[in-house]
Amino acid sequence: MYLVGLGLALMLMKYLAIGPVATLSWIWVLSPFGLAVVWWAWADASGYTKRRAMERENERKNARIAKNREAIGTLGKGRKR
């Protein structure tokens, strides 16, 4: 997402002829979009995206379980002997 934001900023600066970006070739200005496509293709092909989604789901699940345990008063209590 950072690459897309960078690409949009560079494209806007090139179009409005702001700063040193105005003298750059359009190839350099648009290259962050190509890099974003390469990143997304790699992330999908390697399973990185799916792993991150599973980690977020597990964190939400564990937080929900901890919240429910705290609500019923079982959090922090050890086994009775």
PDB file of N, CA and C in Angstrom:
ATOM      1  N   MET A   1       0.809  -1.179   0.000  1.00  0.00           N
ATOM      2  CA  MET A   1       0.000   0.000   0.000  1.00  0.00           C
ATOM      3  C   MET A   1       0.865   1.260   0.000  1.00  0.00           C
ATOM      4  N   TYR A   2       2.038   1.142   0.644  1.00  0.00           N
ATOM      5  CA  TYR A   2       2.940   2.282   0.664  1.00  0.00           C
ATOM      6  C   TYR A   2       3.421   2.620  -0.749  1.00  0.00           C
ATOM      7  N   LEU A   3       3.658   1.588  -1.549  1.00  0.00           N
ATOM      8  CA  LEU A   3       4.122   1.825  -2.914  1.00  0.00           C
ATOM      9  C   LEU A   3       3.054   2.515  -3.752  1.00  0.00           C
ATOM     10  N   VAL A   4       1.807   2.165  -3.551  1.00  0.00           N
ATOM     11  CA  VAL A   4       0.718   2.816  -4.293  1.00  0.00           C
ATOM     12  C   VAL A   4       0.620   4.280  -3.869  1.00  0.00           C
ATOM     13  N   GLY A   5       0.724   4.540  -2.572  1.00  0.00           N
ATOM     14  CA  GLY A   5       0.687   5.924  -2.089  1.00  0.00           C
ATOM     15  C   GLY A   5       1.843   6.742  -2.641  1.00  0.00           C
ATOM     16  N   LEU A   6       3.037   6.137  -2.645  1.00  0.00           N
ATOM     17  CA  LEU A   6       4.204   6.815  -3.202  1.00  0.00           C
ATOM     18  C   LEU A   6       4.000   7.089  -4.690  1.00  0.00           C
ATOM     19  N   GLY A   7       3.469   6.108  -5.406  1.00  0.00           N
ATOM     20  CA  GLY A   7       3.210   6.286  -6.835  1.00  0.00           C
ATOM     21  C   GLY A   7       2.219   7.401  -7.100  1.00  0.00           C
ATOM     22  N   LEU A   8       1.168   7.457  -6.289  1.00  0.00           N
ATOM     23  CA  LEU A   8       0.173   8.530  -6.464  1.00  0.00           C
ATOM     24  C   LEU A   8       0.787   9.900  -6.181  1.00  0.00           C
ATOM     25  N   ALA A   9       1.596   9.981  -5.119  1.00  0.00           N
ATOM     26  CA  ALA A   9       2.240  11.255  -4.793  1.00  0.00           C
ATOM     27  C   ALA A   9       3.193  11.688  -5.905  1.00  0.00           C
ATOM     28  N   LEU A  10       4.005  10.758  -6.401  1.00  0.00           N
ATOM     29  CA  LEU A  10       4.934  11.095  -7.486  1.00  0.00           C
ATOM     30  C   LEU A  10       4.195  11.483  -8.758  1.00  0.00           C
ATOM     31  N   MET A  11       3.123  10.780  -9.058  1.00  0.00           N
ATOM     32  CA  MET A  11       2.347  11.080 -10.263  1.00  0.00           C
ATOM     33  C   MET A  11       1.727  12.482 -10.172  1.00  0.00           C
ATOM     34  N   LEU A  12       1.203  12.817  -9.001  1.00  0.00           N
ATOM     35  CA  LEU A  12       0.619  14.141  -8.806  1.00  0.00           C
ATOM     36  C   LEU A  12       1.690  15.222  -8.906  1.00  0.00           C
ATOM     37  N   MET A  13       2.854  14.966  -8.301  1.00  0.00           N
ATOM     38  CA  MET A  13       3.938  15.944  -8.373  1.00  0.00           C
ATOM     39  C   MET A  13       4.438  16.115  -9.808  1.00  0.00           C
ATOM     40  N   LYS A  14       4.494  15.051 -10.566  1.00  0.00           N
ATOM     41  CA  LYS A  14       4.932  15.133 -11.968  1.00  0.00           C
ATOM     42  C   LYS A  14       3.904  15.907 -12.790  1.00  0.00           C
ATOM     43  N   TYR A  15       2.634  15.603 -12.575  1.00  0.00           N
ATOM     44  CA  TYR A  15       1.572  16.263 -13.337  1.00  0.00           C
ATOM     45  C   TYR A  15       1.534  17.760 -13.049  1.00  0.00           C
ATOM     46  N   LEU A  16       1.722  18.126 -11.773  1.00  0.00           N
ATOM     47  CA  LEU A  16       1.688  19.536 -11.396  1.00  0.00           C
ATOM     48  C   LEU A  16       3.048  20.221 -11.520  1.00  0.00           C
ATOM     49  N   ALA A  17       4.057  19.483 -11.955  1.00  0.00           N
ATOM     50  CA  ALA A  17       5.422  19.993 -12.160  1.00  0.00           C
ATOM     51  C   ALA A  17       5.979  20.608 -10.878  1.00  0.00           C
ATOM     52  N   ILE A  18       5.937  19.818  -9.814  1.00  0.00           N
ATOM     53  CA  ILE A  18       6.416  20.275  -8.513  1.00  0.00           C
ATOM     54  C   ILE A  18       7.781  19.646  -8.222  1.00  0.00           C
ATOM     55  N   GLY A  19       8.753  20.482  -7.873  1.00  0.00           N
ATOM     56  CA  GLY A  19      10.056  20.023  -7.418  1.00  0.00           C
ATOM     57  C   GLY A  19      10.836  19.248  -8.463  1.00  0.00           C
ATOM     58  N   PRO A  20      11.804  18.461  -7.986  1.00  0.00           N
ATOM     59  CA  PRO A  20      12.669  17.717  -8.899  1.00  0.00           C
ATOM     60  C   PRO A  20      11.949  16.569  -9.610  1.00  0.00           C
ATOM     61  N   VAL A  21      10.780  16.215  -9.139  1.00  0.00           N
ATOM     62  CA  VAL A  21      10.021  15.133  -9.787  1.00  0.00           C
ATOM     63  C   VAL A  21       9.584  15.559 -11.187  1.00  0.00           C
ATOM     64  N   ALA A  22       9.416  16.837 -11.406  1.00  0.00           N
ATOM     65  CA  ALA A  22       8.989  17.341 -12.704  1.00  0.00           C
ATOM     66  C   ALA A  22       9.981  16.997 -13.808  1.00  0.00           C
ATOM     67  N   THR A  23      11.253  16.840 -13.462  1.00  0.00           N
ATOM     68  CA  THR A  23      12.268  16.546 -14.478  1.00  0.00           C
ATOM     69  C   THR A  23      12.468  15.044 -14.693  1.00  0.00           C
ATOM     70  N   LEU A  24      11.884  14.220 -13.838  1.00  0.00           N
ATOM     71  CA  LEU A  24      12.033  12.771 -13.978  1.00  0.00           C
ATOM     72  C   LEU A  24      11.219  12.244 -15.156  1.00  0.00           C
ATOM     73  N   SER A  25      11.669  11.127 -15.678  1.00  0.00           N
ATOM     74  CA  SER A  25      10.937  10.448 -16.732  1.00  0.00           C
ATOM     75  C   SER A  25       9.684   9.802 -16.129  1.00  0.00           C
ATOM     76  N   TRP A  26       8.644   9.642 -16.955  1.00  0.00           N
ATOM     77  CA  TRP A  26       7.415   9.009 -16.477  1.00  0.00           C
ATOM     78  C   TRP A  26       7.660   7.566 -16.047  1.00  0.00           C
ATOM     79  N   ILE A  27       8.672   6.922 -16.638  1.00  0.00           N
ATOM     80  CA  ILE A  27       8.999   5.545 -16.235  1.00  0.00           C
ATOM     81  C   ILE A  27       9.349   5.502 -14.752  1.00  0.00           C
ATOM     82  N   TRP A  28      10.182   6.436 -14.297  1.00  0.00           N
ATOM     83  CA  TRP A  28      10.580   6.472 -12.881  1.00  0.00           C
ATOM     84  C   TRP A  28       9.407   6.850 -11.987  1.00  0.00           C
ATOM     85  N   VAL A  29       8.566   7.734 -12.479  1.00  0.00           N
ATOM     86  CA  VAL A  29       7.418   8.186 -11.682  1.00  0.00           C
ATOM     87  C   VAL A  29       6.411   7.055 -11.494  1.00  0.00           C
ATOM     88  N   LEU A  30       6.227   6.236 -12.510  1.00  0.00           N
ATOM     89  CA  LEU A  30       5.227   5.164 -12.447  1.00  0.00           C
ATOM     90  C   LEU A  30       5.795   3.846 -11.929  1.00  0.00           C
ATOM     91  N   SER A  31       7.099   3.780 -11.712  1.00  0.00           N
ATOM     92  CA  SER A  31       7.710   2.523 -11.266  1.00  0.00           C
ATOM     93  C   SER A  31       7.173   1.998  -9.925  1.00  0.00           C
ATOM     94  N   PRO A  32       6.765   2.842  -8.951  1.00  0.00           N
ATOM     95  CA  PRO A  32       6.200   2.278  -7.723  1.00  0.00           C
ATOM     96  C   PRO A  32       4.948   1.425  -7.957  1.00  0.00           C
ATOM     97  N   PHE A  33       4.176   1.740  -8.990  1.00  0.00           N
ATOM     98  CA  PHE A  33       2.992   0.927  -9.307  1.00  0.00           C
ATOM     99  C   PHE A  33       3.407  -0.464  -9.778  1.00  0.00           C
ATOM    100  N   GLY A  34       4.443  -0.528 -10.595  1.00  0.00           N
ATOM    101  CA  GLY A  34       4.962  -1.824 -11.041  1.00  0.00           C
ATOM    102  C   GLY A  34       5.517  -2.632  -9.886  1.00  0.00           C
ATOM    103  N   LEU A  35       6.220  -1.957  -8.981  1.00  0.00           N
ATOM    104  CA  LEU A  35       6.754  -2.642  -7.805  1.00  0.00           C
ATOM    105  C   LEU A  35       5.622  -3.152  -6.907  1.00  0.00           C
ATOM    106  N   ALA A  36       4.538  -2.396  -6.814  1.00  0.00           N
ATOM    107  CA  ALA A  36       3.387  -2.837  -6.017  1.00  0.00           C
ATOM    108  C   ALA A  36       2.772  -4.096  -6.616  1.00  0.00           C
ATOM    109  N   VAL A  37       2.683  -4.158  -7.933  1.00  0.00           N
ATOM    110  CA  VAL A  37       2.136  -5.345  -8.596  1.00  0.00           C
ATOM    111  C   VAL A  37       3.032  -6.548  -8.328  1.00  0.00           C
ATOM    112  N   VAL A  38       4.340  -6.348  -8.418  1.00  0.00           N
ATOM    113  CA  VAL A  38       5.288  -7.436  -8.145  1.00  0.00           C
ATOM    114  C   VAL A  38       5.166  -7.890  -6.696  1.00  0.00           C
ATOM    115  N   TRP A  39       5.051  -6.949  -5.764  1.00  0.00           N
ATOM    116  CA  TRP A  39       4.910  -7.291  -4.346  1.00  0.00           C
ATOM    117  C   TRP A  39       3.644  -8.108  -4.107  1.00  0.00           C
ATOM    118  N   TRP A  40       2.513  -7.652  -4.656  1.00  0.00           N
ATOM    119  CA  TRP A  40       1.247  -8.362  -4.440  1.00  0.00           C
ATOM    120  C   TRP A  40       1.284  -9.747  -5.061  1.00  0.00           C
ATOM    121  N   ALA A  41       1.905  -9.873  -6.221  1.00  0.00           N
ATOM    122  CA  ALA A  41       2.005 -11.191  -6.852  1.00  0.00           C
ATOM    123  C   ALA A  41       2.845 -12.125  -5.987  1.00  0.00           C
ATOM    124  N   TRP A  42       3.966 -11.633  -5.478  1.00  0.00           N
ATOM    125  CA  TRP A  42       4.809 -12.462  -4.610  1.00  0.00           C
ATOM    126  C   TRP A  42       4.085 -12.824  -3.313  1.00  0.00           C
ATOM    127  N   ALA A  43       3.415 -11.847  -2.711  1.00  0.00           N
ATOM    128  CA  ALA A  43       2.726 -12.087  -1.439  1.00  0.00           C
ATOM    129  C   ALA A  43       1.636 -13.143  -1.595  1.00  0.00           C
ATOM    130  N   ASP A  44       0.918 -13.092  -2.693  1.00  0.00           N
ATOM    131  CA  ASP A  44      -0.135 -14.089  -2.930  1.00  0.00           C
ATOM    132  C   ASP A  44       0.453 -15.456  -3.260  1.00  0.00           C
ATOM    133  N   ALA A  45       1.502 -15.474  -4.057  1.00  0.00           N
ATOM    134  CA  ALA A  45       2.090 -16.747  -4.477  1.00  0.00           C
ATOM    135  C   ALA A  45       2.805 -17.460  -3.329  1.00  0.00           C
ATOM    136  N   SER A  46       3.415 -16.701  -2.431  1.00  0.00           N
ATOM    137  CA  SER A  46       4.176 -17.312  -1.350  1.00  0.00           C
ATOM    138  C   SER A  46       3.323 -17.682  -0.146  1.00  0.00           C
ATOM    139  N   GLY A  47       2.085 -17.228  -0.106  1.00  0.00           N
ATOM    140  CA  GLY A  47       1.219 -17.506   1.032  1.00  0.00           C
ATOM    141  C   GLY A  47       1.346 -16.486   2.143  1.00  0.00           C
ATOM    142  N   TYR A  48       2.124 -15.431   1.940  1.00  0.00           N
ATOM    143  CA  TYR A  48       2.330 -14.399   2.951  1.00  0.00           C
ATOM    144  C   TYR A  48       1.004 -13.752   3.347  1.00  0.00           C
ATOM    145  N   THR A  49       0.181 -13.450   2.370  1.00  0.00           N
ATOM    146  CA  THR A  49      -1.103 -12.792   2.637  1.00  0.00           C
ATOM    147  C   THR A  49      -1.996 -13.678   3.491  1.00  0.00           C
ATOM    148  N   LYS A  50      -2.077 -14.948   3.159  1.00  0.00           N
ATOM    149  CA  LYS A  50      -2.922 -15.881   3.901  1.00  0.00           C
ATOM    150  C   LYS A  50      -2.410 -16.068   5.326  1.00  0.00           C
ATOM    151  N   ARG A  51      -1.078 -16.167   5.492  1.00  0.00           N
ATOM    152  CA  ARG A  51      -0.504 -16.308   6.838  1.00  0.00           C
ATOM    153  C   ARG A  51      -0.837 -15.113   7.707  1.00  0.00           C
ATOM    154  N   ARG A  52      -0.702 -13.912   7.148  1.00  0.00           N
ATOM    155  CA  ARG A  52      -1.007 -12.692   7.909  1.00  0.00           C
ATOM    156  C   ARG A  52      -2.482 -12.655   8.296  1.00  0.00           C
ATOM    157  N   ALA A  53      -3.354 -13.056   7.387  1.00  0.00           N
ATOM    158  CA  ALA A  53      -4.781 -13.082   7.697  1.00  0.00           C
ATOM    159  C   ALA A  53      -5.079 -14.085   8.805  1.00  0.00           C
ATOM    160  N   MET A  54      -4.437 -15.237   8.762  1.00  0.00           N
ATOM    161  CA  MET A  54      -4.642 -16.251   9.804  1.00  0.00           C
ATOM    162  C   MET A  54      -4.120 -15.760  11.152  1.00  0.00           C
ATOM    163  N   GLU A  55      -2.986 -15.062  11.158  1.00  0.00           N
ATOM    164  CA  GLU A  55      -2.449 -14.519  12.404  1.00  0.00           C
ATOM    165  C   GLU A  55      -3.411 -13.503  13.013  1.00  0.00           C
ATOM    166  N   ARG A  56      -3.975 -12.625  12.181  1.00  0.00           N
ATOM    167  CA  ARG A  56      -4.939 -11.640  12.682  1.00  0.00           C
ATOM    168  C   ARG A  56      -6.180 -12.323  13.246  1.00  0.00           C
ATOM    169  N   GLU A  57      -6.671 -13.358  12.556  1.00  0.00           N
ATOM    170  CA  GLU A  57      -7.834 -14.090  13.052  1.00  0.00           C
ATOM    171  C   GLU A  57      -7.531 -14.760  14.388  1.00  0.00           C
ATOM    172  N   ASN A  58      -6.355 -15.365  14.525  1.00  0.00           N
ATOM    173  CA  ASN A  58      -5.984 -16.013  15.784  1.00  0.00           C
ATOM    174  C   ASN A  58      -5.858 -14.999  16.919  1.00  0.00           C
ATOM    175  N   GLU A  59      -5.304 -13.828  16.634  1.00  0.00           N
ATOM    176  CA  GLU A  59      -5.195 -12.792  17.659  1.00  0.00           C
ATOM    177  C   GLU A  59      -6.578 -12.336  18.111  1.00  0.00           C
ATOM    178  N   ARG A  60      -7.489 -12.134  17.161  1.00  0.00           N
ATOM    179  CA  ARG A  60      -8.856 -11.729  17.515  1.00  0.00           C
ATOM    180  C   ARG A  60      -9.545 -12.815  18.324  1.00  0.00           C
ATOM    181  N   LYS A  61      -9.339 -14.065  17.935  1.00  0.00           N
ATOM    182  CA  LYS A  61      -9.949 -15.192  18.643  1.00  0.00           C
ATOM    183  C   LYS A  61      -9.430 -15.272  20.074  1.00  0.00           C
ATOM    184  N   ASN A  62      -8.110 -15.175  20.250  1.00  0.00           N
ATOM    185  CA  ASN A  62      -7.524 -15.242  21.585  1.00  0.00           C
ATOM    186  C   ASN A  62      -7.968 -14.067  22.449  1.00  0.00           C
ATOM    187  N   ALA A  63      -8.085 -12.884  21.859  1.00  0.00           N
ATOM    188  CA  ALA A  63      -8.556 -11.720  22.614  1.00  0.00           C
ATOM    189  C   ALA A  63     -10.009 -11.923  23.045  1.00  0.00           C
ATOM    190  N   ARG A  64     -10.818 -12.479  22.159  1.00  0.00           N
ATOM    191  CA  ARG A  64     -12.223 -12.739  22.491  1.00  0.00           C
ATOM    192  C   ARG A  64     -12.331 -13.778  23.604  1.00  0.00           C
ATOM    193  N   ILE A  65     -11.519 -14.819  23.544  1.00  0.00           N
ATOM    194  CA  ILE A  65     -11.533 -15.862  24.585  1.00  0.00           C
ATOM    195  C   ILE A  65     -11.109 -15.260  25.925  1.00  0.00           C
ATOM    196  N   ALA A  66     -10.050 -14.448  25.927  1.00  0.00           N
ATOM    197  CA  ALA A  66      -9.579 -13.825  27.167  1.00  0.00           C
ATOM    198  C   ALA A  66     -10.641 -12.892  27.738  1.00  0.00           C
ATOM    199  N   LYS A  67     -11.308 -12.152  26.875  1.00  0.00           N
ATOM    200  CA  LYS A  67     -12.369 -11.240  27.330  1.00  0.00           C
ATOM    201  C   LYS A  67     -13.513 -12.027  27.956  1.00  0.00           C
ATOM    202  N   ASN A  68     -13.903 -13.127  27.330  1.00  0.00           N
ATOM    203  CA  ASN A  68     -14.987 -13.942  27.873  1.00  0.00           C
ATOM    204  C   ASN A  68     -14.591 -14.593  29.188  1.00  0.00           C
ATOM    205  N   ARG A  69     -13.355 -15.058  29.293  1.00  0.00           N
ATOM    206  CA  ARG A  69     -12.891 -15.653  30.549  1.00  0.00           C
ATOM    207  C   ARG A  69     -12.879 -14.620  31.669  1.00  0.00           C
ATOM    208  N   GLU A  70     -12.459 -13.412  31.334  1.00  0.00           N
ATOM    209  CA  GLU A  70     -12.446 -12.353  32.335  1.00  0.00           C
ATOM    210  C   GLU A  70     -13.873 -12.009  32.764  1.00  0.00           C
ATOM    211  N   ALA A  71     -14.790 -12.019  31.817  1.00  0.00           N
ATOM    212  CA  ALA A  71     -16.182 -11.681  32.120  1.00  0.00           C
ATOM    213  C   ALA A  71     -16.823 -12.701  33.053  1.00  0.00           C
ATOM    214  N   ILE A  72     -16.443 -13.965  32.924  1.00  0.00           N
ATOM    215  CA  ILE A  72     -17.049 -14.968  33.807  1.00  0.00           C
ATOM    216  C   ILE A  72     -16.194 -15.226  35.041  1.00  0.00           C
ATOM    217  N   GLY A  73     -15.061 -14.559  35.124  1.00  0.00           N
ATOM    218  CA  GLY A  73     -14.253 -14.616  36.328  1.00  0.00           C
ATOM    219  C   GLY A  73     -13.307 -15.779  36.432  1.00  0.00           C
ATOM    220  N   THR A  74     -12.894 -16.373  35.332  1.00  0.00           N
ATOM    221  CA  THR A  74     -11.966 -17.503  35.395  1.00  0.00           C
ATOM    222  C   THR A  74     -10.550 -17.117  35.030  1.00  0.00           C
ATOM    223  N   LEU A  75     -10.332 -15.895  34.607  1.00  0.00           N
ATOM    224  CA  LEU A  75      -8.999 -15.473  34.195  1.00  0.00           C
ATOM    225  C   LEU A  75      -8.125 -15.235  35.426  1.00  0.00           C
ATOM    226  N   GLY A  76      -6.939 -15.777  35.418  1.00  0.00           N
ATOM    227  CA  GLY A  76      -5.990 -15.545  36.488  1.00  0.00           C
ATOM    228  C   GLY A  76      -6.142 -16.483  37.672  1.00  0.00           C
ATOM    229  N   LYS A  77      -7.124 -17.290  37.684  1.00  0.00           N
ATOM    230  CA  LYS A  77      -7.296 -18.227  38.784  1.00  0.00           C
ATOM    231  C   LYS A  77      -6.627 -19.544  38.418  1.00  0.00           C
ATOM    232  N   GLY A  78      -5.806 -20.016  39.317  1.00  0.00           N
ATOM    233  CA  GLY A  78      -5.126 -21.278  39.087  1.00  0.00           C
ATOM    234  C   GLY A  78      -6.026 -22.451  39.451  1.00  0.00           C
ATOM    235  N   ARG A  79      -5.482 -23.627  39.313  1.00  0.00           N
ATOM    236  CA  ARG A  79      -6.244 -24.823  39.691  1.00  0.00           C
ATOM    237  C   ARG A  79      -6.358 -24.894  41.201  1.00  0.00           C
ATOM    238  N   LYS A  80      -7.492 -25.307  41.653  1.00  0.00           N
ATOM    239  CA  LYS A  80      -7.706 -25.474  43.090  1.00  0.00           C
ATOM    240  C   LYS A  80      -7.076 -26.792  43.502  1.00  0.00           C
ATOM    241  N   ARG A  81      -6.431 -26.794  44.645  1.00  0.00           N
ATOM    242  CA  ARG A  81      -5.769 -28.001  45.109  1.00  0.00           C
ATOM    243  C   ARG A  81      -6.427 -28.524  46.337  1.00  0.00           C
TER     244      ARG A  81
END
